[in-house]
N, C-alpha and C. Protein backbone atom coordinates (compact mmCIF):
# COMPACT_ATOMS: atom_id res chain seq x y z
N HIS A 1 2.89 21.03 -7.11
CA HIS A 1 4.21 21.57 -6.89
C HIS A 1 5.19 20.41 -6.77
N PRO A 2 6.31 20.43 -7.46
CA PRO A 2 7.23 19.28 -7.48
C PRO A 2 7.92 19.00 -6.15
N ASP A 3 7.95 19.96 -5.23
CA ASP A 3 8.63 19.76 -3.95
C ASP A 3 7.70 19.23 -2.86
N VAL A 4 6.42 19.05 -3.18
CA VAL A 4 5.46 18.58 -2.19
C VAL A 4 5.60 17.08 -2.01
N VAL A 5 5.74 16.65 -0.75
CA VAL A 5 5.78 15.24 -0.42
C VAL A 5 4.78 15.01 0.71
N PHE A 6 3.91 14.03 0.53
CA PHE A 6 2.93 13.70 1.54
C PHE A 6 3.53 12.67 2.49
N ASP A 7 3.16 12.75 3.76
CA ASP A 7 3.71 11.82 4.74
C ASP A 7 3.09 10.43 4.64
N VAL A 8 1.76 10.34 4.67
CA VAL A 8 1.10 9.03 4.71
C VAL A 8 -0.07 9.00 3.74
N LEU A 9 -0.17 7.90 3.02
CA LEU A 9 -1.34 7.61 2.20
C LEU A 9 -1.97 6.35 2.78
N LYS A 10 -3.18 6.47 3.31
CA LYS A 10 -3.90 5.34 3.90
C LYS A 10 -4.83 4.77 2.84
N ILE A 11 -4.65 3.48 2.53
CA ILE A 11 -5.50 2.82 1.54
C ILE A 11 -6.37 1.81 2.27
N ASP A 12 -7.66 2.08 2.33
CA ASP A 12 -8.63 1.21 2.98
C ASP A 12 -9.88 1.22 2.11
N VAL A 13 -9.89 0.36 1.10
CA VAL A 13 -10.95 0.40 0.10
C VAL A 13 -11.71 -0.94 0.02
N GLU A 14 -11.76 -1.64 1.15
CA GLU A 14 -12.60 -2.82 1.32
C GLU A 14 -12.47 -3.85 0.20
N GLY A 15 -11.25 -4.32 -0.02
CA GLY A 15 -11.01 -5.38 -0.97
C GLY A 15 -10.59 -4.95 -2.36
N HIS A 16 -10.52 -3.65 -2.59
CA HIS A 16 -10.15 -3.14 -3.92
C HIS A 16 -8.74 -2.54 -3.93
N GLU A 17 -7.92 -2.97 -2.98
CA GLU A 17 -6.57 -2.44 -2.85
C GLU A 17 -5.72 -2.68 -4.10
N PHE A 18 -5.87 -3.86 -4.72
CA PHE A 18 -5.07 -4.16 -5.91
C PHE A 18 -5.32 -3.13 -7.01
N ASN A 19 -6.58 -2.86 -7.31
CA ASN A 19 -6.90 -1.89 -8.36
C ASN A 19 -6.39 -0.50 -8.02
N CYS A 20 -6.47 -0.14 -6.77
CA CYS A 20 -5.99 1.17 -6.33
C CYS A 20 -4.47 1.28 -6.53
N VAL A 21 -3.74 0.28 -6.07
CA VAL A 21 -2.28 0.31 -6.20
C VAL A 21 -1.87 0.19 -7.67
N LYS A 22 -2.58 -0.63 -8.44
CA LYS A 22 -2.27 -0.77 -9.86
C LYS A 22 -2.45 0.57 -10.57
N GLY A 23 -3.49 1.30 -10.24
CA GLY A 23 -3.70 2.63 -10.81
C GLY A 23 -2.57 3.58 -10.47
N MET A 24 -2.09 3.50 -9.23
CA MET A 24 -0.96 4.34 -8.83
C MET A 24 0.29 3.99 -9.62
N SER A 25 0.47 2.70 -9.93
CA SER A 25 1.69 2.25 -10.60
C SER A 25 1.76 2.73 -12.04
N THR A 26 0.64 3.13 -12.61
CA THR A 26 0.64 3.61 -14.00
C THR A 26 0.90 5.11 -14.10
N MET A 27 0.99 5.77 -12.97
CA MET A 27 1.27 7.21 -12.98
C MET A 27 2.68 7.45 -13.50
N ALA A 28 2.94 8.62 -13.98
CA ALA A 28 4.22 8.99 -14.59
C ALA A 28 5.40 8.37 -13.87
N ASP A 29 5.98 7.38 -14.43
CA ASP A 29 7.12 6.58 -13.97
C ASP A 29 7.02 6.12 -12.51
N ALA A 30 5.80 6.08 -12.00
CA ALA A 30 5.50 5.55 -10.65
C ALA A 30 6.30 6.24 -9.55
N ARG A 31 6.64 7.48 -9.71
CA ARG A 31 7.32 8.24 -8.65
C ARG A 31 6.24 8.92 -7.82
N ILE A 32 5.86 8.28 -6.76
CA ILE A 32 4.77 8.74 -5.91
C ILE A 32 5.34 9.58 -4.78
N PRO A 33 4.91 10.86 -4.66
CA PRO A 33 5.47 11.73 -3.61
C PRO A 33 4.84 11.47 -2.23
N VAL A 34 4.98 10.23 -1.76
CA VAL A 34 4.42 9.82 -0.48
C VAL A 34 5.50 9.06 0.28
N ARG A 35 5.73 9.42 1.53
CA ARG A 35 6.76 8.74 2.33
C ARG A 35 6.32 7.34 2.76
N PHE A 36 5.07 7.21 3.20
CA PHE A 36 4.57 5.93 3.70
C PHE A 36 3.20 5.61 3.11
N ILE A 37 2.96 4.35 2.86
CA ILE A 37 1.63 3.88 2.50
C ILE A 37 1.19 2.93 3.60
N GLN A 38 0.00 3.17 4.13
CA GLN A 38 -0.60 2.28 5.12
C GLN A 38 -1.74 1.55 4.42
N LEU A 39 -1.65 0.24 4.38
CA LEU A 39 -2.59 -0.57 3.62
C LEU A 39 -3.23 -1.60 4.54
N GLU A 40 -4.54 -1.66 4.53
CA GLU A 40 -5.24 -2.62 5.37
C GLU A 40 -5.33 -3.96 4.64
N ARG A 41 -5.07 -5.03 5.38
CA ARG A 41 -5.24 -6.40 4.85
C ARG A 41 -6.19 -7.14 5.76
N GLN A 42 -7.11 -7.87 5.16
CA GLN A 42 -8.06 -8.65 5.94
C GLN A 42 -7.89 -10.13 5.62
N LYS A 43 -8.08 -10.95 6.64
CA LYS A 43 -8.04 -12.40 6.45
C LYS A 43 -9.41 -12.97 6.78
N THR A 44 -10.37 -12.64 5.94
CA THR A 44 -11.72 -13.17 6.10
C THR A 44 -12.15 -13.75 4.76
N ASP A 45 -13.19 -14.55 4.79
CA ASP A 45 -13.70 -15.16 3.56
C ASP A 45 -14.15 -14.12 2.55
N MET A 46 -14.57 -12.98 3.03
CA MET A 46 -15.05 -11.93 2.14
C MET A 46 -13.92 -11.38 1.25
N TYR A 47 -12.68 -11.51 1.68
CA TYR A 47 -11.54 -10.95 0.94
C TYR A 47 -10.59 -12.05 0.48
N LYS A 48 -11.14 -13.12 -0.11
CA LYS A 48 -10.31 -14.24 -0.55
C LYS A 48 -9.40 -13.89 -1.71
N ASP A 49 -9.84 -13.04 -2.59
CA ASP A 49 -9.11 -12.76 -3.83
C ASP A 49 -8.54 -11.35 -3.83
N ILE A 50 -7.73 -11.01 -2.83
CA ILE A 50 -7.21 -9.65 -2.74
C ILE A 50 -5.89 -9.44 -3.46
N LYS A 51 -5.30 -10.51 -4.00
CA LYS A 51 -4.06 -10.42 -4.77
C LYS A 51 -2.93 -9.81 -3.95
N ALA A 52 -2.74 -10.31 -2.76
CA ALA A 52 -1.75 -9.76 -1.82
C ALA A 52 -0.35 -9.76 -2.40
N ASP A 53 0.06 -10.86 -3.02
CA ASP A 53 1.41 -10.92 -3.59
C ASP A 53 1.59 -9.93 -4.72
N GLU A 54 0.56 -9.77 -5.54
CA GLU A 54 0.64 -8.81 -6.65
C GLU A 54 0.72 -7.38 -6.15
N ILE A 55 -0.01 -7.09 -5.08
CA ILE A 55 0.05 -5.75 -4.47
C ILE A 55 1.47 -5.48 -3.98
N ASP A 56 2.04 -6.44 -3.27
CA ASP A 56 3.40 -6.27 -2.75
C ASP A 56 4.40 -6.05 -3.89
N GLU A 57 4.23 -6.78 -4.99
CA GLU A 57 5.14 -6.64 -6.13
C GLU A 57 5.00 -5.28 -6.79
N LEU A 58 3.78 -4.80 -6.97
CA LEU A 58 3.57 -3.46 -7.54
C LEU A 58 4.21 -2.39 -6.66
N LEU A 59 4.00 -2.49 -5.36
CA LEU A 59 4.59 -1.51 -4.44
C LEU A 59 6.11 -1.56 -4.49
N LYS A 60 6.66 -2.75 -4.55
CA LYS A 60 8.12 -2.90 -4.65
C LYS A 60 8.64 -2.25 -5.93
N ASP A 61 7.94 -2.45 -7.04
CA ASP A 61 8.34 -1.84 -8.31
C ASP A 61 8.31 -0.32 -8.25
N MET A 62 7.45 0.23 -7.38
CA MET A 62 7.36 1.68 -7.22
C MET A 62 8.34 2.21 -6.18
N GLY A 63 9.13 1.31 -5.57
CA GLY A 63 10.13 1.75 -4.60
C GLY A 63 9.72 1.65 -3.16
N PHE A 64 8.60 1.00 -2.87
CA PHE A 64 8.13 0.86 -1.50
C PHE A 64 8.56 -0.48 -0.93
N VAL A 65 8.99 -0.47 0.33
CA VAL A 65 9.36 -1.70 1.03
C VAL A 65 8.50 -1.82 2.28
N LEU A 66 8.11 -3.05 2.59
CA LEU A 66 7.33 -3.30 3.80
C LEU A 66 8.23 -3.09 5.01
N THR A 67 7.81 -2.19 5.92
CA THR A 67 8.63 -1.90 7.09
C THR A 67 7.95 -2.26 8.41
N ARG A 68 6.64 -2.47 8.37
CA ARG A 68 5.95 -2.77 9.64
C ARG A 68 4.61 -3.40 9.35
N GLU A 69 4.20 -4.29 10.25
CA GLU A 69 2.89 -4.90 10.17
C GLU A 69 2.27 -4.81 11.56
N ILE A 70 1.07 -4.26 11.63
CA ILE A 70 0.39 -4.05 12.90
C ILE A 70 -0.90 -4.86 12.88
N ARG A 71 -0.96 -5.87 13.72
CA ARG A 71 -2.15 -6.73 13.78
C ARG A 71 -3.19 -6.14 14.72
N HIS A 72 -4.43 -6.23 14.33
CA HIS A 72 -5.52 -5.77 15.16
C HIS A 72 -5.70 -6.75 16.31
N GLY A 73 -6.06 -6.26 17.46
CA GLY A 73 -6.14 -7.07 18.67
C GLY A 73 -7.16 -8.20 18.64
N PHE A 74 -8.32 -7.99 18.02
CA PHE A 74 -9.35 -9.03 18.11
C PHE A 74 -10.02 -9.33 16.77
N ALA A 75 -9.66 -8.65 15.71
CA ALA A 75 -10.27 -8.90 14.41
C ALA A 75 -9.26 -9.58 13.49
N LYS A 76 -9.73 -10.00 12.34
CA LYS A 76 -8.86 -10.70 11.39
C LYS A 76 -8.32 -9.74 10.34
N TYR A 77 -7.78 -8.64 10.79
CA TYR A 77 -7.13 -7.73 9.84
C TYR A 77 -5.91 -7.10 10.47
N TYR A 78 -5.10 -6.55 9.62
CA TYR A 78 -3.89 -5.90 10.08
C TYR A 78 -3.51 -4.79 9.11
N GLU A 79 -2.69 -3.91 9.58
CA GLU A 79 -2.20 -2.79 8.78
C GLU A 79 -0.77 -3.08 8.37
N ARG A 80 -0.45 -2.80 7.13
CA ARG A 80 0.92 -2.95 6.65
C ARG A 80 1.43 -1.57 6.28
N ILE A 81 2.61 -1.24 6.75
CA ILE A 81 3.22 0.06 6.49
C ILE A 81 4.39 -0.16 5.52
N TYR A 82 4.34 0.56 4.41
CA TYR A 82 5.39 0.50 3.39
C TYR A 82 6.10 1.85 3.36
N THR A 83 7.42 1.82 3.24
CA THR A 83 8.22 3.03 3.18
C THR A 83 8.74 3.22 1.76
N ASN A 84 8.63 4.44 1.28
CA ASN A 84 9.09 4.78 -0.07
C ASN A 84 10.60 5.03 -0.05
N THR A 85 11.35 4.20 -0.74
CA THR A 85 12.81 4.36 -0.77
C THR A 85 13.24 5.44 -1.75
N ARG A 86 12.32 5.97 -2.52
CA ARG A 86 12.65 7.00 -3.53
C ARG A 86 12.36 8.41 -3.03
N VAL A 87 11.86 8.55 -1.81
CA VAL A 87 11.56 9.85 -1.24
C VAL A 87 12.38 10.02 0.02
N SER A 88 13.03 11.15 0.14
CA SER A 88 13.83 11.37 1.36
C SER A 88 13.12 12.23 2.36
């Protein structure tokens, strides 16, 4: 239904975030009916090649802006919240 808008899309795919976001960017003119995307980022050796800058650029091209970063208290990861500027 064209009027359906989802509030949050949580992306936690253990290092495959770039492929996930890239797939979303190829959807019909990248108009994603989601208000917020919550994306996990890790700073461990296991996730050296996560293409963080490329992910941010793809999200920006789709109309998402980084609005919040929440760091985990004792682990080397954090959540990034992006807001869709194309959805009201």
